Amino acid sequence: MAKSPVADHSKIDVHELLKERQQIAIIWSVEDVQELRPDLTAGQAWKVLQACEAGHDCEFGITWLSLEMTADDLFPSPADESRG
């Protein structure tokens, strides 16, 4: 197994690494998804993030709306199901 170039992952400063490479990144978290949909588990919220990344459109980016729509597509909220 190949060794990671950074032995202690707890000391990685993502923003410093990006700065050195003159790059930026917008970071969304499971907590962001759960802010929109508190009924989702961490695992479900992670699936939402993964789906958003897979379907990412560089013209529009990932937004609160895309997170919400993806969450609703993958995991219809109980309120939506009752209207069915």
PDB file of N, CA and C in Angstrom:
ATOM      1  N   MET A   1       0.845  -1.174   0.000  1.00  0.00           N
ATOM      2  CA  MET A   1       0.000   0.000   0.000  1.00  0.00           C
ATOM      3  C   MET A   1       0.892   1.240   0.000  1.00  0.00           C
ATOM      4  N   ALA A   2       0.565   2.213  -0.835  1.00  0.00           N
ATOM      5  CA  ALA A   2       1.352   3.441  -0.924  1.00  0.00           C
ATOM      6  C   ALA A   2       1.136   4.296   0.309  1.00  0.00           C
ATOM      7  N   LYS A   3       2.208   4.885   0.779  1.00  0.00           N
ATOM      8  CA  LYS A   3       2.127   5.766   1.938  1.00  0.00           C
ATOM      9  C   LYS A   3       1.654   7.142   1.515  1.00  0.00           C
ATOM     10  N   SER A   4       0.843   7.738   2.353  1.00  0.00           N
ATOM     11  CA  SER A   4       0.373   9.089   2.114  1.00  0.00           C
ATOM     12  C   SER A   4       1.523  10.071   2.297  1.00  0.00           C
ATOM     13  N   PRO A   5       1.609  11.101   1.434  1.00  0.00           N
ATOM     14  CA  PRO A   5       2.695  12.066   1.590  1.00  0.00           C
ATOM     15  C   PRO A   5       2.587  12.872   2.878  1.00  0.00           C
ATOM     16  N   VAL A   6       1.404  12.937   3.447  1.00  0.00           N
ATOM     17  CA  VAL A   6       1.216  13.631   4.715  1.00  0.00           C
ATOM     18  C   VAL A   6       0.853  12.577   5.746  1.00  0.00           C
ATOM     19  N   ALA A   7       1.749  12.344   6.695  1.00  0.00           N
ATOM     20  CA  ALA A   7       1.556  11.267   7.657  1.00  0.00           C
ATOM     21  C   ALA A   7       0.423  11.547   8.627  1.00  0.00           C
ATOM     22  N   ASP A   8       0.336  12.757   9.136  1.00  0.00           N
ATOM     23  CA  ASP A   8      -0.682  13.094  10.132  1.00  0.00           C
ATOM     24  C   ASP A   8      -1.772  13.925   9.465  1.00  0.00           C
ATOM     25  N   HIS A   9      -2.858  13.264   9.050  1.00  0.00           N
ATOM     26  CA  HIS A   9      -3.933  13.937   8.336  1.00  0.00           C
ATOM     27  C   HIS A   9      -4.657  14.982   9.178  1.00  0.00           C
ATOM     28  N   SER A  10      -4.540  14.909  10.487  1.00  0.00           N
ATOM     29  CA  SER A  10      -5.211  15.890  11.343  1.00  0.00           C
ATOM     30  C   SER A  10      -4.565  17.268  11.236  1.00  0.00           C
ATOM     31  N   LYS A  11      -3.376  17.334  10.661  1.00  0.00           N
ATOM     32  CA  LYS A  11      -2.672  18.612  10.548  1.00  0.00           C
ATOM     33  C   LYS A  11      -2.716  19.194   9.137  1.00  0.00           C
ATOM     34  N   ILE A  12      -3.528  18.629   8.276  1.00  0.00           N
ATOM     35  CA  ILE A  12      -3.643  19.143   6.914  1.00  0.00           C
ATOM     36  C   ILE A  12      -4.442  20.441   6.937  1.00  0.00           C
ATOM     37  N   ASP A  13      -3.900  21.469   6.332  1.00  0.00           N
ATOM     38  CA  ASP A  13      -4.606  22.744   6.180  1.00  0.00           C
ATOM     39  C   ASP A  13      -4.988  22.867   4.709  1.00  0.00           C
ATOM     40  N   VAL A  14      -6.212  22.509   4.403  1.00  0.00           N
ATOM     41  CA  VAL A  14      -6.681  22.494   3.021  1.00  0.00           C
ATOM     42  C   VAL A  14      -6.518  23.861   2.379  1.00  0.00           C
ATOM     43  N   HIS A  15      -6.852  24.892   3.115  1.00  0.00           N
ATOM     44  CA  HIS A  15      -6.792  26.239   2.547  1.00  0.00           C
ATOM     45  C   HIS A  15      -5.348  26.655   2.247  1.00  0.00           C
ATOM     46  N   GLU A  16      -4.414  26.244   3.081  1.00  0.00           N
ATOM     47  CA  GLU A  16      -3.007  26.549   2.832  1.00  0.00           C
ATOM     48  C   GLU A  16      -2.489  25.783   1.613  1.00  0.00           C
ATOM     49  N   LEU A  17      -2.886  24.517   1.491  1.00  0.00           N
ATOM     50  CA  LEU A  17      -2.495  23.738   0.316  1.00  0.00           C
ATOM     51  C   LEU A  17      -3.019  24.371  -0.971  1.00  0.00           C
ATOM     52  N   LEU A  18      -4.266  24.793  -0.947  1.00  0.00           N
ATOM     53  CA  LEU A  18      -4.848  25.438  -2.120  1.00  0.00           C
ATOM     54  C   LEU A  18      -4.137  26.746  -2.439  1.00  0.00           C
ATOM     55  N   LYS A  19      -3.844  27.518  -1.412  1.00  0.00           N
ATOM     56  CA  LYS A  19      -3.149  28.794  -1.598  1.00  0.00           C
ATOM     57  C   LYS A  19      -1.802  28.572  -2.278  1.00  0.00           C
ATOM     58  N   GLU A  20      -1.064  27.569  -1.834  1.00  0.00           N
ATOM     59  CA  GLU A  20       0.240  27.263  -2.424  1.00  0.00           C
ATOM     60  C   GLU A  20       0.120  26.913  -3.901  1.00  0.00           C
ATOM     61  N   ARG A  21      -1.003  26.306  -4.264  1.00  0.00           N
ATOM     62  CA  ARG A  21      -1.207  25.888  -5.656  1.00  0.00           C
ATOM     63  C   ARG A  21      -1.985  26.923  -6.457  1.00  0.00           C
ATOM     64  N   GLN A  22      -2.295  28.062  -5.829  1.00  0.00           N
ATOM     65  CA  GLN A  22      -3.110  29.123  -6.424  1.00  0.00           C
ATOM     66  C   GLN A  22      -4.425  28.561  -6.949  1.00  0.00           C
ATOM     67  N   GLN A  23      -5.104  27.854  -6.056  1.00  0.00           N
ATOM     68  CA  GLN A  23      -6.394  27.245  -6.363  1.00  0.00           C
ATOM     69  C   GLN A  23      -7.396  27.636  -5.284  1.00  0.00           C
ATOM     70  N   ILE A  24      -8.660  27.504  -5.628  1.00  0.00           N
ATOM     71  CA  ILE A  24      -9.724  27.696  -4.643  1.00  0.00           C
ATOM     72  C   ILE A  24     -10.636  26.475  -4.675  1.00  0.00           C
ATOM     73  N   ALA A  25     -11.390  26.307  -3.626  1.00  0.00           N
ATOM     74  CA  ALA A  25     -12.392  25.243  -3.565  1.00  0.00           C
ATOM     75  C   ALA A  25     -13.521  25.718  -2.661  1.00  0.00           C
ATOM     76  N   ILE A  26     -14.704  25.429  -3.063  1.00  0.00           N
ATOM     77  CA  ILE A  26     -15.879  25.714  -2.236  1.00  0.00           C
ATOM     78  C   ILE A  26     -16.253  24.398  -1.583  1.00  0.00           C
ATOM     79  N   ILE A  27     -16.384  24.419  -0.275  1.00  0.00           N
ATOM     80  CA  ILE A  27     -16.600  23.181   0.468  1.00  0.00           C
ATOM     81  C   ILE A  27     -17.997  23.175   1.080  1.00  0.00           C
ATOM     82  N   TRP A  28     -18.745  22.126   0.768  1.00  0.00           N
ATOM     83  CA  TRP A  28     -20.059  21.885   1.369  1.00  0.00           C
ATOM     84  C   TRP A  28     -19.913  20.695   2.297  1.00  0.00           C
ATOM     85  N   SER A  29     -20.661  20.701   3.366  1.00  0.00           N
ATOM     86  CA  SER A  29     -20.556  19.627   4.346  1.00  0.00           C
ATOM     87  C   SER A  29     -21.896  18.935   4.573  1.00  0.00           C
ATOM     88  N   VAL A  30     -21.808  17.804   5.232  1.00  0.00           N
ATOM     89  CA  VAL A  30     -23.004  17.070   5.648  1.00  0.00           C
ATOM     90  C   VAL A  30     -23.901  17.986   6.489  1.00  0.00           C
ATOM     91  N   GLU A  31     -23.283  18.795   7.318  1.00  0.00           N
ATOM     92  CA  GLU A  31     -24.046  19.708   8.176  1.00  0.00           C
ATOM     93  C   GLU A  31     -24.832  20.722   7.353  1.00  0.00           C
ATOM     94  N   ASP A  32     -24.276  21.161   6.212  1.00  0.00           N
ATOM     95  CA  ASP A  32     -25.004  22.089   5.340  1.00  0.00           C
ATOM     96  C   ASP A  32     -26.278  21.424   4.812  1.00  0.00           C
ATOM     97  N   VAL A  33     -26.154  20.187   4.377  1.00  0.00           N
ATOM     98  CA  VAL A  33     -27.324  19.461   3.863  1.00  0.00           C
ATOM     99  C   VAL A  33     -28.345  19.278   4.986  1.00  0.00           C
ATOM    100  N   GLN A  34     -27.865  18.921   6.164  1.00  0.00           N
ATOM    101  CA  GLN A  34     -28.779  18.701   7.286  1.00  0.00           C
ATOM    102  C   GLN A  34     -29.423  19.998   7.773  1.00  0.00           C
ATOM    103  N   GLU A  35     -28.811  21.133   7.475  1.00  0.00           N
ATOM    104  CA  GLU A  35     -29.452  22.405   7.807  1.00  0.00           C
ATOM    105  C   GLU A  35     -30.715  22.585   6.974  1.00  0.00           C
ATOM    106  N   LEU A  36     -30.652  22.141   5.721  1.00  0.00           N
ATOM    107  CA  LEU A  36     -31.822  22.191   4.838  1.00  0.00           C
ATOM    108  C   LEU A  36     -32.820  21.081   5.148  1.00  0.00           C
ATOM    109  N   ARG A  37     -32.276  19.911   5.448  1.00  0.00           N
ATOM    110  CA  ARG A  37     -33.097  18.726   5.676  1.00  0.00           C
ATOM    111  C   ARG A  37     -32.654  18.034   6.959  1.00  0.00           C
ATOM    112  N   PRO A  38     -33.096  18.551   8.115  1.00  0.00           N
ATOM    113  CA  PRO A  38     -32.672  17.975   9.391  1.00  0.00           C
ATOM    114  C   PRO A  38     -33.135  16.534   9.600  1.00  0.00           C
ATOM    115  N   ASP A  39     -34.066  16.054   8.768  1.00  0.00           N
ATOM    116  CA  ASP A  39     -34.546  14.683   8.886  1.00  0.00           C
ATOM    117  C   ASP A  39     -33.571  13.663   8.296  1.00  0.00           C
ATOM    118  N   LEU A  40     -32.567  14.111   7.556  1.00  0.00           N
ATOM    119  CA  LEU A  40     -31.620  13.193   6.933  1.00  0.00           C
ATOM    120  C   LEU A  40     -30.509  12.800   7.901  1.00  0.00           C
ATOM    121  N   THR A  41     -30.082  11.556   7.789  1.00  0.00           N
ATOM    122  CA  THR A  41     -28.943  11.090   8.574  1.00  0.00           C
ATOM    123  C   THR A  41     -27.665  11.639   7.929  1.00  0.00           C
ATOM    124  N   ALA A  42     -26.550  11.504   8.633  1.00  0.00           N
ATOM    125  CA  ALA A  42     -25.270  11.924   8.071  1.00  0.00           C
ATOM    126  C   ALA A  42     -24.966  11.135   6.797  1.00  0.00           C
ATOM    127  N   GLY A  43     -25.285   9.853   6.802  1.00  0.00           N
ATOM    128  CA  GLY A  43     -25.056   9.025   5.621  1.00  0.00           C
ATOM    129  C   GLY A  43     -25.892   9.471   4.425  1.00  0.00           C
ATOM    130  N   GLN A  44     -27.139   9.808   4.672  1.00  0.00           N
ATOM    131  CA  GLN A  44     -27.998  10.285   3.593  1.00  0.00           C
ATOM    132  C   GLN A  44     -27.506  11.640   3.075  1.00  0.00           C
ATOM    133  N   ALA A  45     -27.114  12.508   3.985  1.00  0.00           N
ATOM    134  CA  ALA A  45     -26.610  13.828   3.593  1.00  0.00           C
ATOM    135  C   ALA A  45     -25.341  13.679   2.760  1.00  0.00           C
ATOM    136  N   TRP A  46     -24.490  12.717   3.111  1.00  0.00           N
ATOM    137  CA  TRP A  46     -23.280  12.456   2.341  1.00  0.00           C
ATOM    138  C   TRP A  46     -23.629  11.996   0.931  1.00  0.00           C
ATOM    139  N   LYS A  47     -24.667  11.163   0.793  1.00  0.00           N
ATOM    140  CA  LYS A  47     -25.107  10.716  -0.531  1.00  0.00           C
ATOM    141  C   LYS A  47     -25.592  11.903  -1.368  1.00  0.00           C
ATOM    142  N   VAL A  48     -26.241  12.872  -0.719  1.00  0.00           N
ATOM    143  CA  VAL A  48     -26.689  14.087  -1.415  1.00  0.00           C
ATOM    144  C   VAL A  48     -25.472  14.852  -1.943  1.00  0.00           C
ATOM    145  N   LEU A  49     -24.464  15.030  -1.099  1.00  0.00           N
ATOM    146  CA  LEU A  49     -23.254  15.736  -1.525  1.00  0.00           C
ATOM    147  C   LEU A  49     -22.576  15.020  -2.687  1.00  0.00           C
ATOM    148  N   GLN A  50     -22.491  13.698  -2.599  1.00  0.00           N
ATOM    149  CA  GLN A  50     -21.861  12.924  -3.666  1.00  0.00           C
ATOM    150  C   GLN A  50     -22.632  13.059  -4.981  1.00  0.00           C
ATOM    151  N   ALA A  51     -23.958  13.042  -4.899  1.00  0.00           N
ATOM    152  CA  ALA A  51     -24.779  13.190  -6.100  1.00  0.00           C
ATOM    153  C   ALA A  51     -24.623  14.589  -6.697  1.00  0.00           C
ATOM    154  N   CYS A  52     -24.535  15.591  -5.849  1.00  0.00           N
ATOM    155  CA  CYS A  52     -24.336  16.954  -6.342  1.00  0.00           C
ATOM    156  C   CYS A  52     -22.988  17.084  -7.035  1.00  0.00           C
ATOM    157  N   GLU A  53     -21.974  16.475  -6.458  1.00  0.00           N
ATOM    158  CA  GLU A  53     -20.650  16.525  -7.080  1.00  0.00           C
ATOM    159  C   GLU A  53     -20.668  15.800  -8.431  1.00  0.00           C
ATOM    160  N   ALA A  54     -21.296  14.658  -8.489  1.00  0.00           N
ATOM    161  CA  ALA A  54     -21.342  13.867  -9.727  1.00  0.00           C
ATOM    162  C   ALA A  54     -22.086  14.610 -10.832  1.00  0.00           C
ATOM    163  N   GLY A  55     -23.110  15.362 -10.459  1.00  0.00           N
ATOM    164  CA  GLY A  55     -23.906  16.080 -11.446  1.00  0.00           C
ATOM    165  C   GLY A  55     -23.540  17.550 -11.565  1.00  0.00           C
ATOM    166  N   HIS A  56     -22.401  17.925 -10.998  1.00  0.00           N
ATOM    167  CA  HIS A  56     -21.974  19.318 -10.961  1.00  0.00           C
ATOM    168  C   HIS A  56     -21.910  19.925 -12.357  1.00  0.00           C
ATOM    169  N   ASP A  57     -22.476  21.094 -12.510  1.00  0.00           N
ATOM    170  CA  ASP A  57     -22.442  21.846 -13.759  1.00  0.00           C
ATOM    171  C   ASP A  57     -21.645  23.117 -13.503  1.00  0.00           C
ATOM    172  N   CYS A  58     -20.517  23.268 -14.176  1.00  0.00           N
ATOM    173  CA  CYS A  58     -19.639  24.408 -13.887  1.00  0.00           C
ATOM    174  C   CYS A  58     -20.284  25.749 -14.234  1.00  0.00           C
ATOM    175  N   GLU A  59     -21.343  25.751 -15.011  1.00  0.00           N
ATOM    176  CA  GLU A  59     -22.043  26.998 -15.324  1.00  0.00           C
ATOM    177  C   GLU A  59     -22.880  27.490 -14.142  1.00  0.00           C
ATOM    178  N   PHE A  60     -23.310  26.552 -13.284  1.00  0.00           N
ATOM    179  CA  PHE A  60     -24.221  26.912 -12.198  1.00  0.00           C
ATOM    180  C   PHE A  60     -23.660  26.627 -10.818  1.00  0.00           C
ATOM    181  N   GLY A  61     -22.687  25.737 -10.725  1.00  0.00           N
ATOM    182  CA  GLY A  61     -22.100  25.406  -9.431  1.00  0.00           C
ATOM    183  C   GLY A  61     -23.044  24.588  -8.569  1.00  0.00           C
ATOM    184  N   ILE A  62     -22.666  24.436  -7.324  1.00  0.00           N
ATOM    185  CA  ILE A  62     -23.519  23.774  -6.336  1.00  0.00           C
ATOM    186  C   ILE A  62     -24.051  24.873  -5.434  1.00  0.00           C
ATOM    187  N   THR A  63     -25.358  24.919  -5.303  1.00  0.00           N
ATOM    188  CA  THR A  63     -26.026  25.972  -4.535  1.00  0.00           C
ATOM    189  C   THR A  63     -26.922  25.353  -3.470  1.00  0.00           C
ATOM    190  N   TRP A  64     -27.453  26.199  -2.622  1.00  0.00           N
ATOM    191  CA  TRP A  64     -28.425  25.719  -1.628  1.00  0.00           C
ATOM    192  C   TRP A  64     -29.591  25.049  -2.336  1.00  0.00           C
ATOM    193  N   LEU A  65     -30.004  25.636  -3.453  1.00  0.00           N
ATOM    194  CA  LEU A  65     -31.134  25.074  -4.196  1.00  0.00           C
ATOM    195  C   LEU A  65     -30.787  23.703  -4.773  1.00  0.00           C
ATOM    196  N   SER A  66     -29.590  23.557  -5.341  1.00  0.00           N
ATOM    197  CA  SER A  66     -29.230  22.246  -5.891  1.00  0.00           C
ATOM    198  C   SER A  66     -29.100  21.198  -4.793  1.00  0.00           C
ATOM    199  N   LEU A  67     -28.595  21.593  -3.631  1.00  0.00           N
ATOM    200  CA  LEU A  67     -28.543  20.656  -2.497  1.00  0.00           C
ATOM    201  C   LEU A  67     -29.952  20.225  -2.100  1.00  0.00           C
ATOM    202  N   GLU A  68     -30.840  21.197  -1.999  1.00  0.00           N
ATOM    203  CA  GLU A  68     -32.213  20.911  -1.586  1.00  0.00           C
ATOM    204  C   GLU A  68     -32.939  20.027  -2.608  1.00  0.00           C
ATOM    205  N   MET A  69     -32.794  20.365  -3.879  1.00  0.00           N
ATOM    206  CA  MET A  69     -33.470  19.586  -4.918  1.00  0.00           C
ATOM    207  C   MET A  69     -32.927  18.159  -4.991  1.00  0.00           C
ATOM    208  N   THR A  70     -31.624  18.013  -4.840  1.00  0.00           N
ATOM    209  CA  THR A  70     -31.027  16.675  -4.866  1.00  0.00           C
ATOM    210  C   THR A  70     -31.481  15.869  -3.661  1.00  0.00           C
ATOM    211  N   ALA A  71     -31.509  16.503  -2.491  1.00  0.00           N
ATOM    212  CA  ALA A  71     -31.985  15.815  -1.289  1.00  0.00           C
ATOM    213  C   ALA A  71     -33.432  15.365  -1.475  1.00  0.00           C
ATOM    214  N   ASP A  72     -34.257  16.235  -2.040  1.00  0.00           N
ATOM    215  CA  ASP A  72     -35.664  15.892  -2.251  1.00  0.00           C
ATOM    216  C   ASP A  72     -35.826  14.776  -3.281  1.00  0.00           C
ATOM    217  N   ASP A  73     -34.970  14.769  -4.305  1.00  0.00           N
ATOM    218  CA  ASP A  73     -35.031  13.701  -5.308  1.00  0.00           C
ATOM    219  C   ASP A  73     -34.625  12.357  -4.707  1.00  0.00           C
ATOM    220  N   LEU A  74     -33.530  12.369  -3.940  1.00  0.00           N
ATOM    221  CA  LEU A  74     -33.027  11.118  -3.368  1.00  0.00           C
ATOM    222  C   LEU A  74     -33.853  10.641  -2.179  1.00  0.00           C
ATOM    223  N   PHE A  75     -34.292  11.588  -1.361  1.00  0.00           N
ATOM    224  CA  PHE A  75     -34.988  11.263  -0.114  1.00  0.00           C
ATOM    225  C   PHE A  75     -36.200  12.180   0.046  1.00  0.00           C
ATOM    226  N   PRO A  76     -37.313  11.847  -0.630  1.00  0.00           N
ATOM    227  CA  PRO A  76     -38.499  12.704  -0.509  1.00  0.00           C
ATOM    228  C   PRO A  76     -38.852  12.934   0.956  1.00  0.00           C
ATOM    229  N   SER A  77     -39.147  14.186   1.272  1.00  0.00           N
ATOM    230  CA  SER A  77     -39.486  14.490   2.667  1.00  0.00           C
ATOM    231  C   SER A  77     -40.862  13.922   2.978  1.00  0.00           C
ATOM    232  N   PRO A  78     -41.107  13.603   4.243  1.00  0.00           N
ATOM    233  CA  PRO A  78     -42.413  13.040   4.622  1.00  0.00           C
ATOM    234  C   PRO A  78     -43.575  13.949   4.199  1.00  0.00           C
ATOM    235  N   ALA A  79     -43.393  15.264   4.237  1.00  0.00           N
ATOM    236  CA  ALA A  79     -44.451  16.188   3.836  1.00  0.00           C
ATOM    237  C   ALA A  79     -44.768  16.029   2.357  1.00  0.00           C
ATOM    238  N   ASP A  80     -43.746  15.829   1.512  1.00  0.00           N
ATOM    239  CA  ASP A  80     -43.954  15.639   0.073  1.00  0.00           C
ATOM    240  C   ASP A  80     -44.669  14.332  -0.206  1.00  0.00           C
ATOM    241  N   GLU A  81     -44.326  13.280   0.522  1.00  0.00           N
ATOM    242  CA  GLU A  81     -44.942  11.974   0.304  1.00  0.00           C
ATOM    243  C   GLU A  81     -46.419  11.983   0.650  1.00  0.00           C
ATOM    244  N   SER A  82     -46.821  12.770   1.649  1.00  0.00           N
ATOM    245  CA  SER A  82     -48.232  12.793   2.063  1.00  0.00           C
ATOM    246  C   SER A  82     -49.094  13.515   1.036  1.00  0.00           C
ATOM    247  N   ARG A  83     -48.484  14.381   0.215  1.00  0.00           N
ATOM    248  CA  ARG A  83     -49.243  15.100  -0.804  1.00  0.00           C
ATOM    249  C   ARG A  83     -49.477  14.247  -2.055  1.00  0.00           C
ATOM    250  N   GLY A  84     -48.588  13.220  -2.244  1.00  0.00           N
ATOM    251  CA  GLY A  84     -48.510  12.337  -3.348  1.00  0.00           C
ATOM    252  C   GLY A  84     -49.609  12.112  -4.219  1.00  0.00           C
TER     253      GLY A  84
END
